[in-house]
C-alpha atoms as a PDB file:
ATOM      1  CA  VAL A   1     201.672  60.599 207.444  1.00  0.00           C
ATOM      2  CA  LEU A   2     205.031  59.042 206.011  1.00  0.00           C
ATOM      3  CA  VAL A   3     202.927  56.372 204.120  1.00  0.00           C
ATOM      4  CA  LEU A   4     200.737  59.169 202.232  1.00  0.00           C
ATOM      5  CA  ILE A   5     204.025  60.755 201.733  1.00  0.00           C
ATOM      6  CA  GLY A   6     205.441  57.145 199.956  1.00  0.00           C
ATOM      7  CA  THR A   7     202.508  56.789 198.284  1.00  0.00           C
ATOM      8  CA  ALA A   8     202.389  59.801 196.928  1.00  0.00           C
ATOM      9  CA  LEU A   9     206.243  59.808 195.443  1.00  0.00           C
ATOM     10  CA  SER A  10     205.861  56.761 194.105  1.00  0.00           C
ATOM     11  CA  VAL A  11     202.841  57.676 192.301  1.00  0.00           C
ATOM     12  CA  GLN A  12     204.987  60.534 191.155  1.00  0.00           C
ATOM     13  CA  PHE A  13     207.843  58.380 189.743  1.00  0.00           C
ATOM     14  CA  ALA A  14     205.352  55.963 188.028  1.00  0.00           C
ATOM     15  CA  ILE A  15     204.130  58.982 186.103  1.00  0.00           C
ATOM     16  CA  ALA A  16     207.497  60.204 185.529  1.00  0.00           C
ATOM     17  CA  ASP A  17     208.862  57.063 184.001  1.00  0.00           C
ATOM     18  CA  ALA A  18     206.039  56.493 181.891  1.00  0.00           C
ATOM     19  CA  ASP A  19     206.731  59.819 180.484  1.00  0.00           C
ATOM     20  CA  GLY A  20     210.349  59.144 180.252  1.00  0.00           C
ATOM     21  CA  GLU A  21     209.468  56.198 178.526  1.00  0.00           C
ATOM     22  CA  ARG A  22     207.253  58.052 175.995  1.00  0.00           C
ATOM     23  CA  ALA A  23     209.901  60.374 175.182  1.00  0.00           C
ATOM     24  CA  ALA A  24     212.707  57.774 174.289  1.00  0.00           C
ATOM     25  CA  LEU A  25     210.167  55.992 172.244  1.00  0.00           C
ATOM     26  CA  ALA A  26     209.221  59.207 170.377  1.00  0.00           C
ATOM     27  CA  ARG A  27     212.778  59.693 169.940  1.00  0.00           C
ATOM     28  CA  ILE A  28     213.649  56.154 168.556  1.00  0.00           C
ATOM     29  CA  ILE A  29     210.819  57.185 165.823  1.00  0.00           C
ATOM     30  CA  LEU A  30     212.626  60.521 165.094  1.00  0.00           C
ATOM     31  CA  GLU A  31     215.751  58.136 164.459  1.00  0.00           C
ATOM     32  CA  LEU A  32     213.919  55.747 162.593  1.00  0.00           C
ATOM     33  CA  HIS A  33     213.024  58.670 160.180  1.00  0.00           C
ATOM     34  CA  ALA A  34     216.509  59.600 159.623  1.00  0.00           C
ATOM     35  CA  ILE A  35     217.189  56.528 158.483  1.00  0.00           C
ATOM     36  CA  ASP A  36     215.258  56.928 155.373  1.00  0.00           C
ATOM     37  CA  PRO A  37     217.470  59.269 152.970  1.00  0.00           C
ATOM     38  CA  GLN A  38     220.232  56.834 153.956  1.00  0.00           C
ATOM     39  CA  ILE A  39     218.132  54.122 152.957  1.00  0.00           C
ATOM     40  CA  THR A  40     217.314  56.163 149.609  1.00  0.00           C
ATOM     41  CA  GLU A  41     221.226  56.651 149.249  1.00  0.00           C
ATOM     42  CA  ALA A  42     222.054  53.124 149.303  1.00  0.00           C
ATOM     43  CA  ALA A  43     219.246  51.937 147.014  1.00  0.00           C
ATOM     44  CA  SER A  44     220.651  54.730 144.465  1.00  0.00           C
ATOM     45  CA  GLN A  45     224.175  53.290 144.756  1.00  0.00           C
ATOM     46  CA  ALA A  46     222.816  49.708 144.346  1.00  0.00           C
ATOM     47  CA  ASN A  47     223.820  47.593 141.106  1.00  0.00           C
ATOM     48  CA  PRO A  48     220.635  46.833 139.018  1.00  0.00           C
ATOM     49  CA  ASP A  49     222.729  43.587 137.540  1.00  0.00           C
ATOM     50  CA  ALA A  50     223.502  42.068 140.727  1.00  0.00           C
ATOM     51  CA  ARG A  51     222.537  38.654 141.166  1.00  0.00           C
ATOM     52  CA  VAL A  52     221.983  39.070 144.781  1.00  0.00           C
ATOM     53  CA  ARG A  53     219.855  42.490 145.566  1.00  0.00           C
ATOM     54  CA  PHE A  54     219.195  43.807 149.149  1.00  0.00           C
ATOM     55  CA  GLN A  55     215.397  44.604 148.887  1.00  0.00           C
ATOM     56  CA  TYR A  56     215.402  48.494 150.469  1.00  0.00           C
ATOM     57  CA  GLU A  57     211.520  48.080 150.127  1.00  0.00           C
ATOM     58  CA  TRP A  58     211.153  45.575 152.180  1.00  0.00           C
ATOM     59  CA  LEU A  59     213.373  46.936 154.609  1.00  0.00           C
ATOM     60  CA  ARG A  60     211.228  50.171 154.486  1.00  0.00           C
ATOM     61  CA  GLN A  61     208.171  48.302 155.298  1.00  0.00           C
ATOM     62  CA  ASP A  62     209.553  46.629 158.146  1.00  0.00           C
ATOM     63  CA  LEU A  63     210.937  50.194 159.753  1.00  0.00           C
ATOM     64  CA  ASP A  64     207.304  51.335 158.939  1.00  0.00           C
ATOM     65  CA  ARG A  65     205.587  48.330 161.185  1.00  0.00           C
ATOM     66  CA  ILE A  66     208.338  49.192 163.916  1.00  0.00           C
ATOM     67  CA  ARG A  67     207.339  53.111 163.768  1.00  0.00           C
ATOM     68  CA  LEU A  68     203.702  52.424 164.033  1.00  0.00           C
ATOM     69  CA  GLY A  69     203.985  49.757 166.938  1.00  0.00           C
ATOM     70  CA  ILE A  70     205.939  52.387 168.527  1.00  0.00           C
ATOM     71  CA  GLN A  71     203.316  54.986 167.882  1.00  0.00           C
ATOM     72  CA  GLU A  72     200.272  52.643 168.946  1.00  0.00           C
ATOM     73  CA  HIS A  73     202.021  52.178 172.374  1.00  0.00           C
ATOM     74  CA  ILE A  74     202.572  55.890 173.105  1.00  0.00           C
ATOM     75  CA  ASP A  75     198.751  56.741 171.906  1.00  0.00           C
ATOM     76  CA  THR A  76     197.165  53.837 173.730  1.00  0.00           C
ATOM     77  CA  PRO A  77     197.787  51.955 176.698  1.00  0.00           C
ATOM     78  CA  ARG A  78     197.189  48.425 176.539  1.00  0.00           C
ATOM     79  CA  ALA A  79     196.214  46.390 179.489  1.00  0.00           C
ATOM     80  CA  GLU A  80     196.657  42.877 177.324  1.00  0.00           C
ATOM     81  CA  PRO A  81     199.489  41.661 174.966  1.00  0.00           C
ATOM     82  CA  ARG A  82     199.491  42.512 171.423  1.00  0.00           C
ATOM     83  CA  THR A  83     199.812  40.510 168.063  1.00  0.00           C
ATOM     84  CA  PHE A  84     202.618  41.699 165.684  1.00  0.00           C
ATOM     85  CA  THR A  85     203.088  40.506 162.090  1.00  0.00           C
ATOM     86  CA  PRO A  86     206.296  39.044 162.221  1.00  0.00           C
ATOM     87  CA  LEU A  87     209.061  40.750 160.276  1.00  0.00           C
ATOM     88  CA  ARG A  88     210.809  39.816 156.954  1.00  0.00           C
ATOM     89  CA  GLY A  89     214.105  40.207 158.571  1.00  0.00           C
ATOM     90  CA  ASP A  90     215.947  38.705 155.387  1.00  0.00           C
ATOM     91  CA  TYR A  91     216.649  41.368 153.064  1.00  0.00           C
ATOM     92  CA  ARG A  92     218.620  39.246 150.142  1.00  0.00           C
ATOM     93  CA  ARG A  93     216.819  37.748 147.425  1.00  0.00           C
END
């Protein structure tokens, strides 16, 4: 009987952990969406004549790629590792 109770509890904790992870990942997606207005504001204040310019569109593309990766993880459980397109990371030209 104790073994059955222990097994049932461990399954419940595993389900709770997966639900907690999904909720945390969903919050990350919301935070990434909240960054968009700040990016727009920074881009509007950028000096168009600067020799080295920050590439806001590249930043947006990378953030979109991150959001999509998180959403895919939330939507579809995977048994195999996935491959990802590398991020640019360098936002100066």
